[in-house]
Amino acid sequence: MKTEKFLSGPLSEIKKISWPTRKETINYTITVILVSVAVALILGLFDLLYMFLMENYLI
């Protein structure tokens, strides 16, 4: 009896979740990939600039 009560709570909460549609999921995935690539490019450029400055002006 207690087990049924314990398991029925989470199951009823899962039914209340509004899951994203397939199109929304694809759009979110593409957005995450594009933002990740943009951040990687920006960090890579900062790294190159820092390396250039270190090699040519400080060492």
PDB file of N, CA and C in Angstrom:
ATOM      1  N   MET A   1       0.821  -1.194   0.000  1.00  0.00           N
ATOM      2  CA  MET A   1       0.000   0.000   0.000  1.00  0.00           C
ATOM      3  C   MET A   1       0.861   1.252   0.000  1.00  0.00           C
ATOM      4  N   LYS A   2       1.877   1.307   0.846  1.00  0.00           N
ATOM      5  CA  LYS A   2       2.748   2.471   0.901  1.00  0.00           C
ATOM      6  C   LYS A   2       3.559   2.602  -0.386  1.00  0.00           C
ATOM      7  N   THR A   3       3.940   1.461  -0.959  1.00  0.00           N
ATOM      8  CA  THR A   3       4.704   1.481  -2.201  1.00  0.00           C
ATOM      9  C   THR A   3       3.871   2.066  -3.330  1.00  0.00           C
ATOM     10  N   GLU A   4       2.606   1.690  -3.405  1.00  0.00           N
ATOM     11  CA  GLU A   4       1.725   2.226  -4.447  1.00  0.00           C
ATOM     12  C   GLU A   4       1.573   3.736  -4.297  1.00  0.00           C
ATOM     13  N   LYS A   5       1.414   4.181  -3.080  1.00  0.00           N
ATOM     14  CA  LYS A   5       1.271   5.616  -2.815  1.00  0.00           C
ATOM     15  C   LYS A   5       2.580   6.341  -3.180  1.00  0.00           C
ATOM     16  N   PHE A   6       3.690   5.709  -2.833  1.00  0.00           N
ATOM     17  CA  PHE A   6       5.000   6.298  -3.107  1.00  0.00           C
ATOM     18  C   PHE A   6       5.230   6.438  -4.614  1.00  0.00           C
ATOM     19  N   LEU A   7       4.844   5.432  -5.393  1.00  0.00           N
ATOM     20  CA  LEU A   7       5.065   5.457  -6.831  1.00  0.00           C
ATOM     21  C   LEU A   7       4.015   6.272  -7.582  1.00  0.00           C
ATOM     22  N   SER A   8       2.834   6.405  -7.040  1.00  0.00           N
ATOM     23  CA  SER A   8       1.776   7.129  -7.749  1.00  0.00           C
ATOM     24  C   SER A   8       2.056   8.627  -7.787  1.00  0.00           C
ATOM     25  N   GLY A   9       2.757   9.155  -6.817  1.00  0.00           N
ATOM     26  CA  GLY A   9       3.081  10.586  -6.789  1.00  0.00           C
ATOM     27  C   GLY A   9       3.923  11.014  -7.987  1.00  0.00           C
ATOM     28  N   PRO A  10       5.089  10.420  -8.180  1.00  0.00           N
ATOM     29  CA  PRO A  10       5.911  10.794  -9.326  1.00  0.00           C
ATOM     30  C   PRO A  10       5.238  10.519 -10.672  1.00  0.00           C
ATOM     31  N   LEU A  11       4.494   9.431 -10.760  1.00  0.00           N
ATOM     32  CA  LEU A  11       3.829   9.116 -12.024  1.00  0.00           C
ATOM     33  C   LEU A  11       2.784  10.168 -12.372  1.00  0.00           C
ATOM     34  N   SER A  12       2.043  10.637 -11.382  1.00  0.00           N
ATOM     35  CA  SER A  12       1.050  11.675 -11.670  1.00  0.00           C
ATOM     36  C   SER A  12       1.728  12.990 -12.044  1.00  0.00           C
ATOM     37  N   GLU A  13       2.898  13.263 -11.473  1.00  0.00           N
ATOM     38  CA  GLU A  13       3.637  14.481 -11.824  1.00  0.00           C
ATOM     39  C   GLU A  13       4.193  14.399 -13.243  1.00  0.00           C
ATOM     40  N   ILE A  14       4.642  13.224 -13.656  1.00  0.00           N
ATOM     41  CA  ILE A  14       5.159  13.048 -15.015  1.00  0.00           C
ATOM     42  C   ILE A  14       4.070  13.310 -16.045  1.00  0.00           C
ATOM     43  N   LYS A  15       2.846  12.948 -15.729  1.00  0.00           N
ATOM     44  CA  LYS A  15       1.728  13.174 -16.651  1.00  0.00           C
ATOM     45  C   LYS A  15       1.433  14.657 -16.833  1.00  0.00           C
ATOM     46  N   LYS A  16       1.810  15.492 -15.856  1.00  0.00           N
ATOM     47  CA  LYS A  16       1.549  16.925 -15.919  1.00  0.00           C
ATOM     48  C   LYS A  16       2.582  17.681 -16.757  1.00  0.00           C
ATOM     49  N   ILE A  17       3.693  17.049 -17.063  1.00  0.00           N
ATOM     50  CA  ILE A  17       4.758  17.706 -17.812  1.00  0.00           C
ATOM     51  C   ILE A  17       4.298  17.966 -19.231  1.00  0.00           C
ATOM     52  N   SER A  18       4.569  19.188 -19.730  1.00  0.00           N
ATOM     53  CA  SER A  18       4.282  19.455 -21.144  1.00  0.00           C
ATOM     54  C   SER A  18       5.597  19.263 -21.911  1.00  0.00           C
ATOM     55  N   TRP A  19       5.698  18.163 -22.597  1.00  0.00           N
ATOM     56  CA  TRP A  19       6.911  17.816 -23.308  1.00  0.00           C
ATOM     57  C   TRP A  19       7.019  18.638 -24.580  1.00  0.00           C
ATOM     58  N   PRO A  20       8.246  19.018 -24.993  1.00  0.00           N
ATOM     59  CA  PRO A  20       8.399  19.786 -26.233  1.00  0.00           C
ATOM     60  C   PRO A  20       8.065  18.927 -27.450  1.00  0.00           C
ATOM     61  N   THR A  21       7.623  19.607 -28.490  1.00  0.00           N
ATOM     62  CA  THR A  21       7.323  18.890 -29.726  1.00  0.00           C
ATOM     63  C   THR A  21       8.628  18.512 -30.413  1.00  0.00           C
ATOM     64  N   ARG A  22       8.518  17.697 -31.430  1.00  0.00           N
ATOM     65  CA  ARG A  22       9.706  17.295 -32.188  1.00  0.00           C
ATOM     66  C   ARG A  22      10.386  18.515 -32.809  1.00  0.00           C
ATOM     67  N   LYS A  23       9.591  19.427 -33.352  1.00  0.00           N
ATOM     68  CA  LYS A  23      10.137  20.635 -33.986  1.00  0.00           C
ATOM     69  C   LYS A  23      10.857  21.517 -32.957  1.00  0.00           C
ATOM     70  N   GLU A  24      10.269  21.676 -31.785  1.00  0.00           N
ATOM     71  CA  GLU A  24      10.912  22.467 -30.729  1.00  0.00           C
ATOM     72  C   GLU A  24      12.230  21.828 -30.296  1.00  0.00           C
ATOM     73  N   THR A  25      12.228  20.514 -30.159  1.00  0.00           N
ATOM     74  CA  THR A  25      13.445  19.811 -29.754  1.00  0.00           C
ATOM     75  C   THR A  25      14.553  19.994 -30.783  1.00  0.00           C
ATOM     76  N   ILE A  26      14.202  19.896 -32.059  1.00  0.00           N
ATOM     77  CA  ILE A  26      15.190  20.101 -33.120  1.00  0.00           C
ATOM     78  C   ILE A  26      15.716  21.528 -33.092  1.00  0.00           C
ATOM     79  N   ASN A  27      14.811  22.509 -32.926  1.00  0.00           N
ATOM     80  CA  ASN A  27      15.241  23.910 -32.874  1.00  0.00           C
ATOM     81  C   ASN A  27      16.159  24.171 -31.682  1.00  0.00           C
ATOM     82  N   TYR A  28      15.818  23.620 -30.509  1.00  0.00           N
ATOM     83  CA  TYR A  28      16.664  23.794 -29.328  1.00  0.00           C
ATOM     84  C   TYR A  28      18.030  23.143 -29.528  1.00  0.00           C
ATOM     85  N   THR A  29      18.040  21.979 -30.141  1.00  0.00           N
ATOM     86  CA  THR A  29      19.297  21.274 -30.386  1.00  0.00           C
ATOM     87  C   THR A  29      20.191  22.072 -31.322  1.00  0.00           C
ATOM     88  N   ILE A  30      19.620  22.590 -32.403  1.00  0.00           N
ATOM     89  CA  ILE A  30      20.387  23.404 -33.355  1.00  0.00           C
ATOM     90  C   ILE A  30      20.917  24.658 -32.671  1.00  0.00           C
ATOM     91  N   THR A  31      20.086  25.290 -31.842  1.00  0.00           N
ATOM     92  CA  THR A  31      20.521  26.490 -31.118  1.00  0.00           C
ATOM     93  C   THR A  31      21.696  26.181 -30.202  1.00  0.00           C
ATOM     94  N   VAL A  32      21.614  25.087 -29.478  1.00  0.00           N
ATOM     95  CA  VAL A  32      22.703  24.714 -28.566  1.00  0.00           C
ATOM     96  C   VAL A  32      23.987  24.448 -29.343  1.00  0.00           C
ATOM     97  N   ILE A  33      23.892  23.762 -30.477  1.00  0.00           N
ATOM     98  CA  ILE A  33      25.083  23.469 -31.277  1.00  0.00           C
ATOM     99  C   ILE A  33      25.692  24.755 -31.816  1.00  0.00           C
ATOM    100  N   LEU A  34      24.864  25.663 -32.343  1.00  0.00           N
ATOM    101  CA  LEU A  34      25.377  26.925 -32.895  1.00  0.00           C
ATOM    102  C   LEU A  34      26.017  27.798 -31.821  1.00  0.00           C
ATOM    103  N   VAL A  35      25.400  27.883 -30.675  1.00  0.00           N
ATOM    104  CA  VAL A  35      25.981  28.679 -29.586  1.00  0.00           C
ATOM    105  C   VAL A  35      27.293  28.053 -29.116  1.00  0.00           C
ATOM    106  N   SER A  36      27.345  26.736 -29.039  1.00  0.00           N
ATOM    107  CA  SER A  36      28.580  26.055 -28.632  1.00  0.00           C
ATOM    108  C   SER A  36      29.709  26.316 -29.621  1.00  0.00           C
ATOM    109  N   VAL A  37      29.401  26.255 -30.910  1.00  0.00           N
ATOM    110  CA  VAL A  37      30.414  26.527 -31.935  1.00  0.00           C
ATOM    111  C   VAL A  37      30.865  27.983 -31.855  1.00  0.00           C
ATOM    112  N   ALA A  38      29.932  28.913 -31.661  1.00  0.00           N
ATOM    113  CA  ALA A  38      30.287  30.330 -31.563  1.00  0.00           C
ATOM    114  C   ALA A  38      31.201  30.580 -30.363  1.00  0.00           C
ATOM    115  N   VAL A  39      30.878  29.999 -29.231  1.00  0.00           N
ATOM    116  CA  VAL A  39      31.715  30.169 -28.036  1.00  0.00           C
ATOM    117  C   VAL A  39      33.092  29.554 -28.261  1.00  0.00           C
ATOM    118  N   ALA A  40      33.136  28.400 -28.888  1.00  0.00           N
ATOM    119  CA  ALA A  40      34.421  27.757 -29.168  1.00  0.00           C
ATOM    120  C   ALA A  40      35.275  28.634 -30.089  1.00  0.00           C
ATOM    121  N   LEU A  41      34.662  29.220 -31.104  1.00  0.00           N
ATOM    122  CA  LEU A  41      35.403  30.100 -32.011  1.00  0.00           C
ATOM    123  C   LEU A  41      35.923  31.340 -31.289  1.00  0.00           C
ATOM    124  N   ILE A  42      35.090  31.948 -30.463  1.00  0.00           N
ATOM    125  CA  ILE A  42      35.519  33.134 -29.718  1.00  0.00           C
ATOM    126  C   ILE A  42      36.665  32.793 -28.776  1.00  0.00           C
ATOM    127  N   LEU A  43      36.551  31.700 -28.048  1.00  0.00           N
ATOM    128  CA  LEU A  43      37.629  31.301 -27.140  1.00  0.00           C
ATOM    129  C   LEU A  43      38.897  30.949 -27.907  1.00  0.00           C
ATOM    130  N   GLY A  44      38.738  30.308 -29.059  1.00  0.00           N
ATOM    131  CA  GLY A  44      39.904  29.990 -29.884  1.00  0.00           C
ATOM    132  C   GLY A  44      40.605  31.242 -30.386  1.00  0.00           C
ATOM    133  N   LEU A  45      39.831  32.235 -30.787  1.00  0.00           N
ATOM    134  CA  LEU A  45      40.432  33.495 -31.238  1.00  0.00           C
ATOM    135  C   LEU A  45      41.143  34.215 -30.104  1.00  0.00           C
ATOM    136  N   PHE A  46      40.543  34.238 -28.925  1.00  0.00           N
ATOM    137  CA  PHE A  46      41.215  34.828 -27.767  1.00  0.00           C
ATOM    138  C   PHE A  46      42.513  34.090 -27.455  1.00  0.00           C
ATOM    139  N   ASP A  47      42.493  32.779 -27.581  1.00  0.00           N
ATOM    140  CA  ASP A  47      43.690  31.983 -27.325  1.00  0.00           C
ATOM    141  C   ASP A  47      44.789  32.319 -28.330  1.00  0.00           C
ATOM    142  N   LEU A  48      44.404  32.421 -29.606  1.00  0.00           N
ATOM    143  CA  LEU A  48      45.390  32.783 -30.628  1.00  0.00           C
ATOM    144  C   LEU A  48      45.960  34.177 -30.385  1.00  0.00           C
ATOM    145  N   LEU A  49      45.104  35.117 -30.031  1.00  0.00           N
ATOM    146  CA  LEU A  49      45.564  36.479 -29.752  1.00  0.00           C
ATOM    147  C   LEU A  49      46.503  36.487 -28.561  1.00  0.00           C
ATOM    148  N   TYR A  50      46.150  35.788 -27.512  1.00  0.00           N
ATOM    149  CA  TYR A  50      46.987  35.721 -26.323  1.00  0.00           C
ATOM    150  C   TYR A  50      48.332  35.076 -26.654  1.00  0.00           C
ATOM    151  N   MET A  51      48.309  33.995 -27.431  1.00  0.00           N
ATOM    152  CA  MET A  51      49.546  33.320 -27.813  1.00  0.00           C
ATOM    153  C   MET A  51      50.422  34.248 -28.654  1.00  0.00           C
ATOM    154  N   PHE A  52      49.813  34.959 -29.595  1.00  0.00           N
ATOM    155  CA  PHE A  52      50.553  35.902 -30.436  1.00  0.00           C
ATOM    156  C   PHE A  52      51.199  36.993 -29.588  1.00  0.00           C
ATOM    157  N   LEU A  53      50.447  37.564 -28.661  1.00  0.00           N
ATOM    158  CA  LEU A  53      50.992  38.612 -27.804  1.00  0.00           C
ATOM    159  C   LEU A  53      52.108  38.099 -26.913  1.00  0.00           C
ATOM    160  N   MET A  54      51.939  36.902 -26.386  1.00  0.00           N
ATOM    161  CA  MET A  54      52.971  36.337 -25.519  1.00  0.00           C
ATOM    162  C   MET A  54      54.267  36.072 -26.288  1.00  0.00           C
ATOM    163  N   GLU A  55      54.142  35.517 -27.488  1.00  0.00           N
ATOM    164  CA  GLU A  55      55.327  35.162 -28.268  1.00  0.00           C
ATOM    165  C   GLU A  55      56.054  36.393 -28.813  1.00  0.00           C
ATOM    166  N   ASN A  56      55.324  37.421 -29.192  1.00  0.00           N
ATOM    167  CA  ASN A  56      55.944  38.551 -29.859  1.00  0.00           C
ATOM    168  C   ASN A  56      56.287  39.717 -28.953  1.00  0.00           C
ATOM    169  N   TYR A  57      55.655  39.844 -27.817  1.00  0.00           N
ATOM    170  CA  TYR A  57      55.879  41.031 -27.007  1.00  0.00           C
ATOM    171  C   TYR A  57      56.354  40.763 -25.589  1.00  0.00           C
ATOM    172  N   LEU A  58      56.122  39.597 -25.071  1.00  0.00           N
ATOM    173  CA  LEU A  58      56.483  39.349 -23.680  1.00  0.00           C
ATOM    174  C   LEU A  58      57.614  38.354 -23.510  1.00  0.00           C
ATOM    175  N   ILE A  59      57.875  37.550 -24.488  1.00  0.00           N
ATOM    176  CA  ILE A  59      58.932  36.533 -24.334  1.00  0.00           C
ATOM    177  C   ILE A  59      60.120  36.917 -25.181  1.00  0.00           C
TER     178      ILE A  59
END
